[in-house]
Amino acid sequence: MPNNNNSNKLVVPEAKAALNQMKLEIANELGLQNYETTDKGNLTARQNGYVGGYMTKKLVEAGQRQLSGK
């Protein structure tokens, strides 16, 4: 039974669609086709972790660019 006590709440709920699109683009870049419809339980922890890790990396880079004025 899935745990519905997700503590990962969006600070800006309006960004949800953009984050989902980013997730799909990154998964595609990593060679994970049809990521949206793929049962994530059939992927390895490494594959799922790469998607989240690259999302975090790109978001941090974007924040740094914004803060630096570039």
N, C-alpha and C. Protein backbone atom coordinates (compact mmCIF):
# COMPACT_ATOMS: atom_id res chain seq x y z
N MET A 1 0.84 -1.17 0.00
CA MET A 1 0.00 0.00 0.00
C MET A 1 0.89 1.24 0.00
N PRO A 2 0.65 2.20 -0.90
CA PRO A 2 1.49 3.39 -0.97
C PRO A 2 1.35 4.26 0.27
N ASN A 3 2.42 4.90 0.62
CA ASN A 3 2.43 5.82 1.74
C ASN A 3 2.04 7.20 1.24
N ASN A 4 0.94 7.74 1.73
CA ASN A 4 0.46 9.04 1.27
C ASN A 4 0.96 10.19 2.15
N ASN A 5 1.92 9.94 3.01
CA ASN A 5 2.48 10.98 3.87
C ASN A 5 3.69 11.60 3.21
N ASN A 6 3.53 12.13 2.01
CA ASN A 6 4.62 12.71 1.26
C ASN A 6 4.99 14.06 1.86
N SER A 7 6.23 14.21 2.30
CA SER A 7 6.68 15.46 2.90
C SER A 7 7.26 16.41 1.87
N ASN A 8 7.30 16.01 0.60
CA ASN A 8 7.84 16.85 -0.46
C ASN A 8 6.75 17.75 -1.00
N LYS A 9 6.46 18.82 -0.29
CA LYS A 9 5.43 19.75 -0.69
C LYS A 9 6.04 20.84 -1.57
N LEU A 10 5.33 21.19 -2.64
CA LEU A 10 5.82 22.26 -3.51
C LEU A 10 5.65 23.61 -2.83
N VAL A 11 6.69 24.41 -2.85
CA VAL A 11 6.62 25.75 -2.30
C VAL A 11 5.79 26.62 -3.23
N VAL A 12 5.93 26.39 -4.54
CA VAL A 12 5.19 27.13 -5.55
C VAL A 12 4.40 26.10 -6.36
N PRO A 13 3.16 25.82 -5.95
CA PRO A 13 2.38 24.78 -6.63
C PRO A 13 2.19 25.03 -8.13
N GLU A 14 2.23 26.27 -8.54
CA GLU A 14 2.08 26.60 -9.96
C GLU A 14 3.24 26.06 -10.80
N ALA A 15 4.32 25.67 -10.17
CA ALA A 15 5.50 25.17 -10.89
C ALA A 15 5.40 23.68 -11.17
N LYS A 16 4.37 23.02 -10.71
CA LYS A 16 4.27 21.56 -10.83
C LYS A 16 4.36 21.09 -12.28
N ALA A 17 3.63 21.73 -13.18
CA ALA A 17 3.65 21.32 -14.59
C ALA A 17 5.04 21.49 -15.18
N ALA A 18 5.72 22.59 -14.86
CA ALA A 18 7.06 22.83 -15.39
C ALA A 18 8.05 21.80 -14.84
N LEU A 19 7.91 21.44 -13.58
CA LEU A 19 8.80 20.43 -12.98
C LEU A 19 8.56 19.06 -13.60
N ASN A 20 7.30 18.72 -13.86
CA ASN A 20 7.00 17.44 -14.51
C ASN A 20 7.57 17.41 -15.92
N GLN A 21 7.46 18.53 -16.65
CA GLN A 21 8.02 18.59 -18.00
C GLN A 21 9.53 18.45 -17.95
N MET A 22 10.15 19.10 -16.99
CA MET A 22 11.60 19.01 -16.82
C MET A 22 12.01 17.57 -16.53
N LYS A 23 11.26 16.89 -15.69
CA LYS A 23 11.54 15.49 -15.35
C LYS A 23 11.51 14.63 -16.60
N LEU A 24 10.50 14.83 -17.45
CA LEU A 24 10.39 14.03 -18.67
C LEU A 24 11.53 14.32 -19.63
N GLU A 25 11.91 15.59 -19.76
CA GLU A 25 13.01 15.97 -20.65
C GLU A 25 14.32 15.35 -20.17
N ILE A 26 14.56 15.39 -18.87
CA ILE A 26 15.81 14.84 -18.33
C ILE A 26 15.82 13.32 -18.50
N ALA A 27 14.70 12.67 -18.23
CA ALA A 27 14.62 11.22 -18.40
C ALA A 27 14.92 10.86 -19.86
N ASN A 28 14.40 11.64 -20.78
CA ASN A 28 14.65 11.39 -22.20
C ASN A 28 16.13 11.58 -22.52
N GLU A 29 16.74 12.62 -21.97
CA GLU A 29 18.17 12.86 -22.18
C GLU A 29 18.99 11.68 -21.64
N LEU A 30 18.51 11.05 -20.59
CA LEU A 30 19.22 9.92 -19.98
C LEU A 30 18.89 8.60 -20.66
N GLY A 31 18.07 8.64 -21.71
CA GLY A 31 17.74 7.44 -22.46
C GLY A 31 16.58 6.65 -21.90
N LEU A 32 15.79 7.25 -21.04
CA LEU A 32 14.62 6.58 -20.47
C LEU A 32 13.37 7.03 -21.23
N GLN A 33 13.08 6.35 -22.33
CA GLN A 33 11.93 6.71 -23.14
C GLN A 33 10.64 6.33 -22.42
N ASN A 34 9.57 7.04 -22.74
CA ASN A 34 8.24 6.79 -22.15
C ASN A 34 8.27 6.81 -20.63
N TYR A 35 9.06 7.69 -20.06
CA TYR A 35 9.22 7.74 -18.60
C TYR A 35 7.89 8.04 -17.91
N GLU A 36 7.06 8.84 -18.55
CA GLU A 36 5.79 9.23 -17.94
C GLU A 36 4.89 8.01 -17.72
N THR A 37 4.91 7.08 -18.66
CA THR A 37 4.03 5.92 -18.56
C THR A 37 4.73 4.68 -18.01
N THR A 38 6.03 4.78 -17.78
CA THR A 38 6.80 3.65 -17.26
C THR A 38 6.48 3.42 -15.79
N ASP A 39 6.34 2.16 -15.40
CA ASP A 39 6.18 1.82 -13.99
C ASP A 39 7.55 2.02 -13.33
N LYS A 40 7.66 3.05 -12.50
CA LYS A 40 8.95 3.41 -11.90
C LYS A 40 9.49 2.28 -11.02
N GLY A 41 8.61 1.39 -10.56
CA GLY A 41 9.05 0.25 -9.76
C GLY A 41 9.85 -0.75 -10.57
N ASN A 42 9.73 -0.68 -11.90
CA ASN A 42 10.50 -1.58 -12.77
C ASN A 42 11.86 -1.00 -13.13
N LEU A 43 12.12 0.24 -12.72
CA LEU A 43 13.42 0.86 -12.98
C LEU A 43 14.31 0.64 -11.76
N THR A 44 15.60 0.70 -11.99
CA THR A 44 16.52 0.56 -10.87
C THR A 44 16.54 1.84 -10.05
N ALA A 45 16.99 1.72 -8.82
CA ALA A 45 17.12 2.91 -7.97
C ALA A 45 18.09 3.89 -8.61
N ARG A 46 19.10 3.38 -9.27
CA ARG A 46 20.08 4.25 -9.92
C ARG A 46 19.41 5.06 -11.03
N GLN A 47 18.57 4.41 -11.85
CA GLN A 47 17.90 5.12 -12.94
C GLN A 47 16.99 6.21 -12.38
N ASN A 48 16.18 5.87 -11.40
CA ASN A 48 15.28 6.85 -10.80
C ASN A 48 16.08 7.96 -10.12
N GLY A 49 17.17 7.61 -9.47
CA GLY A 49 18.00 8.60 -8.79
C GLY A 49 18.67 9.55 -9.74
N TYR A 50 19.08 9.06 -10.91
CA TYR A 50 19.69 9.95 -11.90
C TYR A 50 18.73 11.05 -12.33
N VAL A 51 17.48 10.70 -12.53
CA VAL A 51 16.50 11.69 -12.96
C VAL A 51 16.37 12.79 -11.91
N GLY A 52 16.16 12.40 -10.65
CA GLY A 52 16.04 13.39 -9.58
C GLY A 52 17.32 14.16 -9.36
N GLY A 53 18.45 13.49 -9.47
CA GLY A 53 19.74 14.15 -9.27
C GLY A 53 20.03 15.20 -10.33
N TYR A 54 19.74 14.86 -11.59
CA TYR A 54 19.96 15.84 -12.66
C TYR A 54 18.98 16.99 -12.57
N MET A 55 17.75 16.71 -12.13
CA MET A 55 16.79 17.80 -11.92
C MET A 55 17.34 18.77 -10.88
N THR A 56 17.83 18.23 -9.78
CA THR A 56 18.38 19.07 -8.71
C THR A 56 19.57 19.88 -9.22
N LYS A 57 20.44 19.22 -9.96
CA LYS A 57 21.63 19.90 -10.49
C LYS A 57 21.23 21.06 -11.38
N LYS A 58 20.28 20.83 -12.29
CA LYS A 58 19.87 21.90 -13.21
C LYS A 58 19.16 23.03 -12.48
N LEU A 59 18.36 22.70 -11.47
CA LEU A 59 17.67 23.75 -10.70
C LEU A 59 18.66 24.59 -9.90
N VAL A 60 19.68 23.95 -9.33
CA VAL A 60 20.70 24.69 -8.59
C VAL A 60 21.48 25.59 -9.55
N GLU A 61 21.84 25.07 -10.73
CA GLU A 61 22.56 25.89 -11.72
C GLU A 61 21.72 27.09 -12.13
N ALA A 62 20.43 26.89 -12.35
CA ALA A 62 19.55 28.00 -12.74
C ALA A 62 19.47 29.04 -11.62
N GLY A 63 19.38 28.58 -10.38
CA GLY A 63 19.35 29.50 -9.25
C GLY A 63 20.63 30.29 -9.12
N GLN A 64 21.76 29.63 -9.33
CA GLN A 64 23.05 30.32 -9.25
C GLN A 64 23.18 31.36 -10.34
N ARG A 65 22.73 31.00 -11.57
CA ARG A 65 22.79 31.98 -12.66
C ARG A 65 21.92 33.19 -12.35
N GLN A 66 20.74 32.94 -11.80
CA GLN A 66 19.82 34.04 -11.47
C GLN A 66 20.42 34.93 -10.38
N LEU A 67 21.01 34.31 -9.37
CA LEU A 67 21.60 35.09 -8.29
C LEU A 67 22.81 35.90 -8.75
N SER A 68 23.55 35.35 -9.72
CA SER A 68 24.74 36.04 -10.19
C SER A 68 24.42 37.10 -11.23
N GLY A 69 23.18 37.11 -11.69
CA GLY A 69 22.76 38.12 -12.67
C GLY A 69 23.07 37.74 -14.11
N LYS A 70 23.43 36.49 -14.36
CA LYS A 70 23.75 36.04 -15.72
C LYS A 70 22.54 35.46 -16.40
